[in-house]
């Protein structure tokens, strides 16, 4: 009876250890669920970084044009400040509201 109960104990410990390892592999700090969550978070961060890179390039091009393209600078200034050249007539139409 002593040998049988020690085998049963070893089997129980082994099953318990395998169960604990399986549980922590899935749900633990570095388990499958956490690795997938971090992967999804990384993908979101990369997408946001790419969008910010594109916006940064667009802004750099805008600055370059403002510094070197007088016609563009004039157009932006006129649109943003409502500037009118001599001899131009501005027509304003009431809103439909």
PDB file of N, CA and C in Angstrom:
ATOM      1  N   UNK A   1       0.807  -1.175   0.000  1.00  0.00           N
ATOM      2  CA  UNK A   1       0.000   0.000   0.000  1.00  0.00           C
ATOM      3  C   UNK A   1       0.862   1.255   0.000  1.00  0.00           C
ATOM      4  N   UNK A   2       2.054   1.203   0.570  1.00  0.00           N
ATOM      5  CA  UNK A   2       2.936   2.357   0.631  1.00  0.00           C
ATOM      6  C   UNK A   2       3.413   2.790  -0.737  1.00  0.00           C
ATOM      7  N   UNK A   3       3.748   1.847  -1.615  1.00  0.00           N
ATOM      8  CA  UNK A   3       4.226   2.176  -2.954  1.00  0.00           C
ATOM      9  C   UNK A   3       3.111   2.770  -3.802  1.00  0.00           C
ATOM     10  N   UNK A   4       1.930   2.235  -3.678  1.00  0.00           N
ATOM     11  CA  UNK A   4       0.794   2.717  -4.443  1.00  0.00           C
ATOM     12  C   UNK A   4       0.420   4.133  -4.043  1.00  0.00           C
ATOM     13  N   UNK A   5       0.450   4.433  -2.759  1.00  0.00           N
ATOM     14  CA  UNK A   5       0.092   5.776  -2.315  1.00  0.00           C
ATOM     15  C   UNK A   5       1.174   6.779  -2.679  1.00  0.00           C
ATOM     16  N   UNK A   6       2.442   6.376  -2.707  1.00  0.00           N
ATOM     17  CA  UNK A   6       3.493   7.322  -3.110  1.00  0.00           C
ATOM     18  C   UNK A   6       3.416   7.599  -4.607  1.00  0.00           C
ATOM     19  N   UNK A   7       3.021   6.596  -5.421  1.00  0.00           N
ATOM     20  CA  UNK A   7       2.812   6.833  -6.858  1.00  0.00           C
ATOM     21  C   UNK A   7       1.623   7.769  -7.068  1.00  0.00           C
ATOM     22  N   UNK A   8       0.601   7.572  -6.301  1.00  0.00           N
ATOM     23  CA  UNK A   8      -0.569   8.438  -6.390  1.00  0.00           C
ATOM     24  C   UNK A   8      -0.218   9.867  -6.022  1.00  0.00           C
ATOM     25  N   UNK A   9       0.633  10.027  -5.004  1.00  0.00           N
ATOM     26  CA  UNK A   9       1.057  11.360  -4.591  1.00  0.00           C
ATOM     27  C   UNK A   9       1.892  12.021  -5.689  1.00  0.00           C
ATOM     28  N   UNK A  10       2.822  11.247  -6.270  1.00  0.00           N
ATOM     29  CA  UNK A  10       3.663  11.766  -7.349  1.00  0.00           C
ATOM     30  C   UNK A  10       2.788  12.140  -8.545  1.00  0.00           C
ATOM     31  N   UNK A  11       1.812  11.308  -8.866  1.00  0.00           N
ATOM     32  CA  UNK A  11       0.903  11.604  -9.974  1.00  0.00           C
ATOM     33  C   UNK A  11       0.101  12.859  -9.683  1.00  0.00           C
ATOM     34  N   UNK A  12      -0.389  12.980  -8.455  1.00  0.00           N
ATOM     35  CA  UNK A  12      -1.161  14.155  -8.063  1.00  0.00           C
ATOM     36  C   UNK A  12      -0.303  15.419  -8.134  1.00  0.00           C
ATOM     37  N   UNK A  13       0.922  15.350  -7.662  1.00  0.00           N
ATOM     38  CA  UNK A  13       1.832  16.497  -7.717  1.00  0.00           C
ATOM     39  C   UNK A  13       2.141  16.838  -9.174  1.00  0.00           C
ATOM     40  N   UNK A  14       2.385  15.824  -9.990  1.00  0.00           N
ATOM     41  CA  UNK A  14       2.695  16.054 -11.401  1.00  0.00           C
ATOM     42  C   UNK A  14       1.509  16.698 -12.112  1.00  0.00           C
ATOM     43  N   UNK A  15       0.317  16.192 -11.893  1.00  0.00           N
ATOM     44  CA  UNK A  15      -0.881  16.754 -12.507  1.00  0.00           C
ATOM     45  C   UNK A  15      -1.089  18.192 -12.023  1.00  0.00           C
ATOM     46  N   UNK A  16      -0.901  18.395 -10.735  1.00  0.00           N
ATOM     47  CA  UNK A  16      -1.037  19.747 -10.187  1.00  0.00           C
ATOM     48  C   UNK A  16      -0.030  20.707 -10.800  1.00  0.00           C
ATOM     49  N   UNK A  17       1.221  20.264 -10.936  1.00  0.00           N
ATOM     50  CA  UNK A  17       2.273  21.106 -11.520  1.00  0.00           C
ATOM     51  C   UNK A  17       1.985  21.414 -12.985  1.00  0.00           C
ATOM     52  N   UNK A  18       1.561  20.418 -13.740  1.00  0.00           N
ATOM     53  CA  UNK A  18       1.219  20.629 -15.151  1.00  0.00           C
ATOM     54  C   UNK A  18       0.022  21.568 -15.266  1.00  0.00           C
ATOM     55  N   UNK A  19      -0.955  21.397 -14.395  1.00  0.00           N
ATOM     56  CA  UNK A  19      -2.114  22.281 -14.396  1.00  0.00           C
ATOM     57  C   UNK A  19      -1.729  23.717 -14.070  1.00  0.00           C
ATOM     58  N   UNK A  20      -0.886  23.878 -13.080  1.00  0.00           N
ATOM     59  CA  UNK A  20      -0.424  25.224 -12.697  1.00  0.00           C
ATOM     60  C   UNK A  20       0.371  25.864 -13.838  1.00  0.00           C
ATOM     61  N   UNK A  21       1.260  25.095 -14.465  1.00  0.00           N
ATOM     62  CA  UNK A  21       2.026  25.616 -15.598  1.00  0.00           C
ATOM     63  C   UNK A  21       1.113  25.996 -16.762  1.00  0.00           C
ATOM     64  N   UNK A  22       0.122  25.174 -17.035  1.00  0.00           N
ATOM     65  CA  UNK A  22      -0.823  25.488 -18.115  1.00  0.00           C
ATOM     66  C   UNK A  22      -1.619  26.753 -17.819  1.00  0.00           C
ATOM     67  N   UNK A  23      -2.082  26.870 -16.581  1.00  0.00           N
ATOM     68  CA  UNK A  23      -2.851  28.057 -16.187  1.00  0.00           C
ATOM     69  C   UNK A  23      -2.009  29.317 -16.307  1.00  0.00           C
ATOM     70  N   UNK A  24      -0.783  29.289 -15.780  1.00  0.00           N
ATOM     71  CA  UNK A  24       0.060  30.486 -15.844  1.00  0.00           C
ATOM     72  C   UNK A  24       0.521  30.776 -17.264  1.00  0.00           C
ATOM     73  N   UNK A  25       0.621  29.741 -18.095  1.00  0.00           N
ATOM     74  CA  UNK A  25       1.001  29.975 -19.499  1.00  0.00           C
ATOM     75  C   UNK A  25      -0.076  30.732 -20.252  1.00  0.00           C
ATOM     76  N   UNK A  26      -1.310  30.560 -19.858  1.00  0.00           N
ATOM     77  CA  UNK A  26      -2.412  31.237 -20.526  1.00  0.00           C
ATOM     78  C   UNK A  26      -2.752  32.555 -19.839  1.00  0.00           C
ATOM     79  N   UNK A  27      -2.883  32.523 -18.525  1.00  0.00           N
ATOM     80  CA  UNK A  27      -3.406  33.671 -17.793  1.00  0.00           C
ATOM     81  C   UNK A  27      -2.347  34.448 -17.009  1.00  0.00           C
ATOM     82  N   UNK A  28      -1.128  33.984 -16.959  1.00  0.00           N
ATOM     83  CA  UNK A  28      -0.096  34.623 -16.149  1.00  0.00           C
ATOM     84  C   UNK A  28       0.395  35.937 -16.727  1.00  0.00           C
ATOM     85  N   UNK A  29       1.326  36.541 -16.008  1.00  0.00           N
ATOM     86  CA  UNK A  29       1.860  37.857 -16.387  1.00  0.00           C
ATOM     87  C   UNK A  29       2.452  37.863 -17.793  1.00  0.00           C
ATOM     88  N   UNK A  30       3.065  36.780 -18.194  1.00  0.00           N
ATOM     89  CA  UNK A  30       3.625  36.671 -19.545  1.00  0.00           C
ATOM     90  C   UNK A  30       2.925  35.570 -20.323  1.00  0.00           C
ATOM     91  N   UNK A  31       1.658  35.367 -20.022  1.00  0.00           N
ATOM     92  CA  UNK A  31       0.876  34.325 -20.666  1.00  0.00           C
ATOM     93  C   UNK A  31       0.384  34.740 -22.037  1.00  0.00           C
ATOM     94  N   UNK A  32      -0.273  33.816 -22.674  1.00  0.00           N
ATOM     95  CA  UNK A  32      -0.759  33.997 -24.038  1.00  0.00           C
ATOM     96  C   UNK A  32      -1.700  35.197 -24.132  1.00  0.00           C
ATOM     97  N   UNK A  33      -2.593  35.339 -23.184  1.00  0.00           N
ATOM     98  CA  UNK A  33      -3.561  36.442 -23.221  1.00  0.00           C
ATOM     99  C   UNK A  33      -2.841  37.780 -23.137  1.00  0.00           C
ATOM    100  N   UNK A  34      -1.881  37.895 -22.236  1.00  0.00           N
ATOM    101  CA  UNK A  34      -1.137  39.152 -22.080  1.00  0.00           C
ATOM    102  C   UNK A  34      -0.283  39.448 -23.313  1.00  0.00           C
ATOM    103  N   UNK A  35       0.316  38.422 -23.889  1.00  0.00           N
ATOM    104  CA  UNK A  35       1.127  38.609 -25.099  1.00  0.00           C
ATOM    105  C   UNK A  35       0.247  39.098 -26.251  1.00  0.00           C
ATOM    106  N   UNK A  36      -0.938  38.552 -26.380  1.00  0.00           N
ATOM    107  CA  UNK A  36      -1.856  39.011 -27.439  1.00  0.00           C
ATOM    108  C   UNK A  36      -2.316  40.441 -27.188  1.00  0.00           C
ATOM    109  N   UNK A  37      -2.613  40.774 -25.935  1.00  0.00           N
ATOM    110  CA  UNK A  37      -3.027  42.135 -25.606  1.00  0.00           C
ATOM    111  C   UNK A  37      -1.915  43.123 -25.941  1.00  0.00           C
ATOM    112  N   UNK A  38      -0.692  42.759 -25.599  1.00  0.00           N
ATOM    113  CA  UNK A  38       0.445  43.636 -25.903  1.00  0.00           C
ATOM    114  C   UNK A  38       0.680  43.743 -27.405  1.00  0.00           C
ATOM    115  N   UNK A  39       0.460  42.666 -28.132  1.00  0.00           N
ATOM    116  CA  UNK A  39       0.596  42.707 -29.594  1.00  0.00           C
ATOM    117  C   UNK A  39      -0.413  43.655 -30.217  1.00  0.00           C
ATOM    118  N   UNK A  40      -1.644  43.607 -29.736  1.00  0.00           N
ATOM    119  CA  UNK A  40      -2.681  44.516 -30.248  1.00  0.00           C
ATOM    120  C   UNK A  40      -2.344  45.957 -29.893  1.00  0.00           C
ATOM    121  N   UNK A  41      -1.849  46.166 -28.679  1.00  0.00           N
ATOM    122  CA  UNK A  41      -1.458  47.519 -28.257  1.00  0.00           C
ATOM    123  C   UNK A  41      -0.312  48.030 -29.128  1.00  0.00           C
ATOM    124  N   UNK A  42       0.646  47.177 -29.417  1.00  0.00           N
ATOM    125  CA  UNK A  42       1.771  47.566 -30.279  1.00  0.00           C
ATOM    126  C   UNK A  42       1.276  47.959 -31.669  1.00  0.00           C
ATOM    127  N   UNK A  43       0.331  47.199 -32.209  1.00  0.00           N
ATOM    128  CA  UNK A  43      -0.207  47.513 -33.544  1.00  0.00           C
ATOM    129  C   UNK A  43      -0.890  48.875 -33.537  1.00  0.00           C
ATOM    130  N   UNK A  44      -1.658  49.171 -32.480  1.00  0.00           N
ATOM    131  CA  UNK A  44      -2.319  50.484 -32.386  1.00  0.00           C
ATOM    132  C   UNK A  44      -1.286  51.605 -32.299  1.00  0.00           C
ATOM    133  N   UNK A  45      -0.241  51.401 -31.514  1.00  0.00           N
ATOM    134  CA  UNK A  45       0.793  52.427 -31.359  1.00  0.00           C
ATOM    135  C   UNK A  45       1.535  52.643 -32.665  1.00  0.00           C
ATOM    136  N   UNK A  46       1.839  51.557 -33.377  1.00  0.00           N
ATOM    137  CA  UNK A  46       2.525  51.686 -34.674  1.00  0.00           C
ATOM    138  C   UNK A  46       1.664  52.444 -35.680  1.00  0.00           C
ATOM    139  N   UNK A  47       0.363  52.146 -35.708  1.00  0.00           N
ATOM    140  CA  UNK A  47      -0.538  52.836 -36.636  1.00  0.00           C
ATOM    141  C   UNK A  47      -0.598  54.328 -36.297  1.00  0.00           C
ATOM    142  N   UNK A  48      -0.661  54.640 -35.027  1.00  0.00           N
ATOM    143  CA  UNK A  48      -0.697  56.049 -34.621  1.00  0.00           C
ATOM    144  C   UNK A  48       0.619  56.742 -34.979  1.00  0.00           C
ATOM    145  N   UNK A  49       1.740  56.060 -34.779  1.00  0.00           N
ATOM    146  CA  UNK A  49       3.042  56.634 -35.127  1.00  0.00           C
ATOM    147  C   UNK A  49       3.141  56.895 -36.628  1.00  0.00           C
ATOM    148  N   UNK A  50       2.632  55.976 -37.431  1.00  0.00           N
ATOM    149  CA  UNK A  50       2.650  56.168 -38.887  1.00  0.00           C
ATOM    150  C   UNK A  50       1.783  57.362 -39.289  1.00  0.00           C
ATOM    151  N   UNK A  51       0.622  57.500 -38.655  1.00  0.00           N
ATOM    152  CA  UNK A  51      -0.252  58.637 -38.957  1.00  0.00           C
ATOM    153  C   UNK A  51       0.429  59.948 -38.565  1.00  0.00           C
ATOM    154  N   UNK A  52       1.109  59.943 -37.439  1.00  0.00           N
ATOM    155  CA  UNK A  52       1.823  61.146 -37.002  1.00  0.00           C
ATOM    156  C   UNK A  52       2.993  61.464 -37.930  1.00  0.00           C
ATOM    157  N   UNK A  53       3.651  60.445 -38.445  1.00  0.00           N
ATOM    158  CA  UNK A  53       4.740  60.655 -39.410  1.00  0.00           C
ATOM    159  C   UNK A  53       4.208  61.304 -40.684  1.00  0.00           C
ATOM    160  N   UNK A  54       3.068  60.808 -41.166  1.00  0.00           N
ATOM    161  CA  UNK A  54       2.466  61.399 -42.368  1.00  0.00           C
ATOM    162  C   UNK A  54       2.076  62.858 -42.115  1.00  0.00           C
ATOM    163  N   UNK A  55       1.478  63.122 -40.963  1.00  0.00           N
ATOM    164  CA  UNK A  55       1.092  64.497 -40.625  1.00  0.00           C
ATOM    165  C   UNK A  55       2.328  65.383 -40.513  1.00  0.00           C
ATOM    166  N   UNK A  56       3.389  64.867 -39.945  1.00  0.00           N
ATOM    167  CA  UNK A  56       4.636  65.614 -39.807  1.00  0.00           C
ATOM    168  C   UNK A  56       5.212  65.962 -41.180  1.00  0.00           C
ATOM    169  N   UNK A  57       5.177  65.018 -42.105  1.00  0.00           N
ATOM    170  CA  UNK A  57       5.671  65.278 -43.461  1.00  0.00           C
ATOM    171  C   UNK A  57       4.819  66.336 -44.154  1.00  0.00           C
ATOM    172  N   UNK A  58       3.489  66.265 -43.955  1.00  0.00           N
ATOM    173  CA  UNK A  58       2.597  67.259 -44.545  1.00  0.00           C
ATOM    174  C   UNK A  58       2.907  68.652 -43.996  1.00  0.00           C
ATOM    175  N   UNK A  59       3.136  68.731 -42.693  1.00  0.00           N
ATOM    176  CA  UNK A  59       3.452  70.027 -42.076  1.00  0.00           C
ATOM    177  C   UNK A  59       4.813  70.550 -42.535  1.00  0.00           C
ATOM    178  N   UNK A  60       5.787  69.657 -42.689  1.00  0.00           N
ATOM    179  CA  UNK A  60       7.100  70.078 -43.191  1.00  0.00           C
ATOM    180  C   UNK A  60       6.981  70.659 -44.593  1.00  0.00           C
ATOM    181  N   UNK A  61       6.166  70.001 -45.426  1.00  0.00           N
ATOM    182  CA  UNK A  61       5.963  70.498 -46.789  1.00  0.00           C
ATOM    183  C   UNK A  61       5.267  71.855 -46.761  1.00  0.00           C
ATOM    184  N   UNK A  62       4.311  72.022 -45.867  1.00  0.00           N
ATOM    185  CA  UNK A  62       3.622  73.300 -45.726  1.00  0.00           C
ATOM    186  C   UNK A  62       4.604  74.400 -45.322  1.00  0.00           C
ATOM    187  N   UNK A  63       5.475  74.118 -44.378  1.00  0.00           N
ATOM    188  CA  UNK A  63       6.491  75.100 -43.940  1.00  0.00           C
ATOM    189  C   UNK A  63       7.437  75.432 -45.089  1.00  0.00           C
ATOM    190  N   UNK A  64       7.866  74.391 -45.823  1.00  0.00           N
ATOM    191  CA  UNK A  64       8.769  74.619 -46.954  1.00  0.00           C
ATOM    192  C   UNK A  64       8.111  75.546 -47.975  1.00  0.00           C
ATOM    193  N   UNK A  65       6.837  75.289 -48.276  1.00  0.00           N
ATOM    194  CA  UNK A  65       6.138  76.127 -49.249  1.00  0.00           C
ATOM    195  C   UNK A  65       5.948  77.547 -48.735  1.00  0.00           C
ATOM    196  N   UNK A  66       5.643  77.694 -47.451  1.00  0.00           N
ATOM    197  CA  UNK A  66       5.489  79.040 -46.887  1.00  0.00           C
ATOM    198  C   UNK A  66       6.793  79.829 -46.952  1.00  0.00           C
ATOM    199  N   UNK A  67       7.923  79.147 -46.808  1.00  0.00           N
ATOM    200  CA  UNK A  67       9.228  79.819 -46.831  1.00  0.00           C
ATOM    201  C   UNK A  67       9.716  80.130 -48.246  1.00  0.00           C
ATOM    202  N   UNK A  68       9.344  79.305 -49.233  1.00  0.00           N
ATOM    203  CA  UNK A  68       9.963  79.416 -50.553  1.00  0.00           C
ATOM    204  C   UNK A  68       8.994  79.689 -51.700  1.00  0.00           C
ATOM    205  N   UNK A  69       7.696  79.603 -51.475  1.00  0.00           N
ATOM    206  CA  UNK A  69       6.722  79.769 -52.553  1.00  0.00           C
ATOM    207  C   UNK A  69       5.867  80.994 -52.239  1.00  0.00           C
ATOM    208  N   UNK A  70       6.235  82.127 -52.852  1.00  0.00           N
ATOM    209  CA  UNK A  70       5.542  83.384 -52.550  1.00  0.00           C
ATOM    210  C   UNK A  70       4.060  83.338 -52.919  1.00  0.00           C
ATOM    211  N   UNK A  71       3.715  82.691 -54.013  1.00  0.00           N
ATOM    212  CA  UNK A  71       2.312  82.611 -54.423  1.00  0.00           C
ATOM    213  C   UNK A  71       1.501  81.824 -53.382  1.00  0.00           C
ATOM    214  N   UNK A  72       2.083  80.753 -52.874  1.00  0.00           N
ATOM    215  CA  UNK A  72       1.407  79.962 -51.843  1.00  0.00           C
ATOM    216  C   UNK A  72       1.258  80.772 -50.558  1.00  0.00           C
ATOM    217  N   UNK A  73       2.319  81.465 -50.183  1.00  0.00           N
ATOM    218  CA  UNK A  73       2.286  82.306 -48.991  1.00  0.00           C
ATOM    219  C   UNK A  73       1.198  83.368 -49.120  1.00  0.00           C
ATOM    220  N   UNK A  74       1.123  83.988 -50.274  1.00  0.00           N
ATOM    221  CA  UNK A  74       0.108  85.020 -50.495  1.00  0.00           C
ATOM    222  C   UNK A  74      -1.300  84.417 -50.390  1.00  0.00           C
ATOM    223  N   UNK A  75      -1.495  83.269 -51.016  1.00  0.00           N
ATOM    224  CA  UNK A  75      -2.813  82.635 -50.978  1.00  0.00           C
ATOM    225  C   UNK A  75      -3.229  82.294 -49.550  1.00  0.00           C
ATOM    226  N   UNK A  76      -2.306  81.738 -48.781  1.00  0.00           N
ATOM    227  CA  UNK A  76      -2.610  81.374 -47.397  1.00  0.00           C
ATOM    228  C   UNK A  76      -2.916  82.625 -46.578  1.00  0.00           C
ATOM    229  N   UNK A  77      -2.117  83.667 -46.770  1.00  0.00           N
ATOM    230  CA  UNK A  77      -2.337  84.910 -46.026  1.00  0.00           C
ATOM    231  C   UNK A  77      -3.681  85.526 -46.389  1.00  0.00           C
ATOM    232  N   UNK A  78      -3.994  85.548 -47.661  1.00  0.00           N
ATOM    233  CA  UNK A  78      -5.258  86.145 -48.105  1.00  0.00           C
ATOM    234  C   UNK A  78      -6.447  85.354 -47.570  1.00  0.00           C
ATOM    235  N   UNK A  79      -6.356  84.032 -47.614  1.00  0.00           N
ATOM    236  CA  UNK A  79      -7.460  83.206 -47.131  1.00  0.00           C
ATOM    237  C   UNK A  79      -7.632  83.324 -45.617  1.00  0.00           C
ATOM    238  N   UNK A  80      -6.532  83.311 -44.891  1.00  0.00           N
ATOM    239  CA  UNK A  80      -6.644  83.317 -43.430  1.00  0.00           C
ATOM    240  C   UNK A  80      -6.980  84.697 -42.876  1.00  0.00           C
ATOM    241  N   UNK A  81      -6.548  85.756 -43.559  1.00  0.00           N
ATOM    242  CA  UNK A  81      -6.766  87.109 -43.056  1.00  0.00           C
ATOM    243  C   UNK A  81      -7.864  87.870 -43.792  1.00  0.00           C
ATOM    244  N   UNK A  82      -8.422  87.262 -44.824  1.00  0.00           N
ATOM    245  CA  UNK A  82      -9.475  87.926 -45.584  1.00  0.00           C
ATOM    246  C   UNK A  82      -8.951  89.144 -46.322  1.00  0.00           C
ATOM    247  N   UNK A  83      -7.712  89.077 -46.801  1.00  0.00           N
ATOM    248  CA  UNK A  83      -7.092  90.209 -47.492  1.00  0.00           C
ATOM    249  C   UNK A  83      -7.607  90.343 -48.922  1.00  0.00           C
ATOM    250  N   UNK A  84      -7.675  91.582 -49.391  1.00  0.00           N
ATOM    251  CA  UNK A  84      -8.167  91.885 -50.733  1.00  0.00           C
ATOM    252  C   UNK A  84      -7.142  92.781 -51.418  1.00  0.00           C
ATOM    253  N   UNK A  85      -6.871  92.500 -52.678  1.00  0.00           N
ATOM    254  CA  UNK A  85      -5.969  93.345 -53.457  1.00  0.00           C
ATOM    255  C   UNK A  85      -6.706  94.604 -53.895  1.00  0.00           C
ATOM    256  N   UNK A  86      -5.933  95.647 -54.240  1.00  0.00           N
ATOM    257  CA  UNK A  86      -6.534  96.862 -54.774  1.00  0.00           C
ATOM    258  C   UNK A  86      -7.270  96.517 -56.062  1.00  0.00           C
ATOM    259  N   UNK A  87      -8.474  97.042 -56.200  1.00  0.00           N
ATOM    260  CA  UNK A  87      -9.256  96.823 -57.405  1.00  0.00           C
ATOM    261  C   UNK A  87     -10.120  95.581 -57.347  1.00  0.00           C
ATOM    262  N   UNK A  88      -9.930  94.705 -56.351  1.00  0.00           N
ATOM    263  CA  UNK A  88     -10.767  93.516 -56.233  1.00  0.00           C
ATOM    264  C   UNK A  88     -12.059  93.876 -55.506  1.00  0.00           C
ATOM    265  N   UNK A  89     -13.091  93.178 -55.853  1.00  0.00           N
ATOM    266  CA  UNK A  89     -14.378  93.353 -55.184  1.00  0.00           C
ATOM    267  C   UNK A  89     -14.719  92.061 -54.463  1.00  0.00           C
ATOM    268  N   UNK A  90     -15.087  92.197 -53.211  1.00  0.00           N
ATOM    269  CA  UNK A  90     -15.451  91.023 -52.413  1.00  0.00           C
ATOM    270  C   UNK A  90     -16.972  90.967 -52.345  1.00  0.00           C
ATOM    271  N   UNK A  91     -17.512  89.836 -52.678  1.00  0.00           N
ATOM    272  CA  UNK A  91     -18.949  89.614 -52.581  1.00  0.00           C
ATOM    273  C   UNK A  91     -19.196  88.686 -51.390  1.00  0.00           C
ATOM    274  N   UNK A  92     -20.097  89.089 -50.513  1.00  0.00           N
ATOM    275  CA  UNK A  92     -20.463  88.251 -49.373  1.00  0.00           C
ATOM    276  C   UNK A  92     -21.936  87.903 -49.487  1.00  0.00           C
ATOM    277  N   UNK A  93     -22.197  86.627 -49.323  1.00  0.00           N
ATOM    278  CA  UNK A  93     -23.571  86.153 -49.416  1.00  0.00           C
ATOM    279  C   UNK A  93     -24.022  85.714 -48.041  1.00  0.00           C
ATOM    280  N   UNK A  94     -25.258  86.029 -47.680  1.00  0.00           N
ATOM    281  CA  UNK A  94     -25.746  85.627 -46.360  1.00  0.00           C
ATOM    282  C   UNK A  94     -25.863  84.108 -46.283  1.00  0.00           C
ATOM    283  N   UNK A  95     -25.670  83.598 -45.076  1.00  0.00           N
ATOM    284  CA  UNK A  95     -25.853  82.153 -44.850  1.00  0.00           C
ATOM    285  C   UNK A  95     -27.309  81.794 -45.040  1.00  0.00           C
ATOM    286  N   UNK A  96     -27.567  80.575 -45.372  1.00  0.00           N
ATOM    287  CA  UNK A  96     -28.940  80.107 -45.560  1.00  0.00           C
ATOM    288  C   UNK A  96     -29.687  79.995 -44.241  1.00  0.00           C
ATOM    289  N   UNK A  97     -28.997  80.019 -43.133  1.00  0.00           N
ATOM    290  CA  UNK A  97     -29.620  79.834 -41.823  1.00  0.00           C
ATOM    291  C   UNK A  97     -30.459  81.009 -41.425  1.00  0.00           C
TER     292      UNK A  97
END
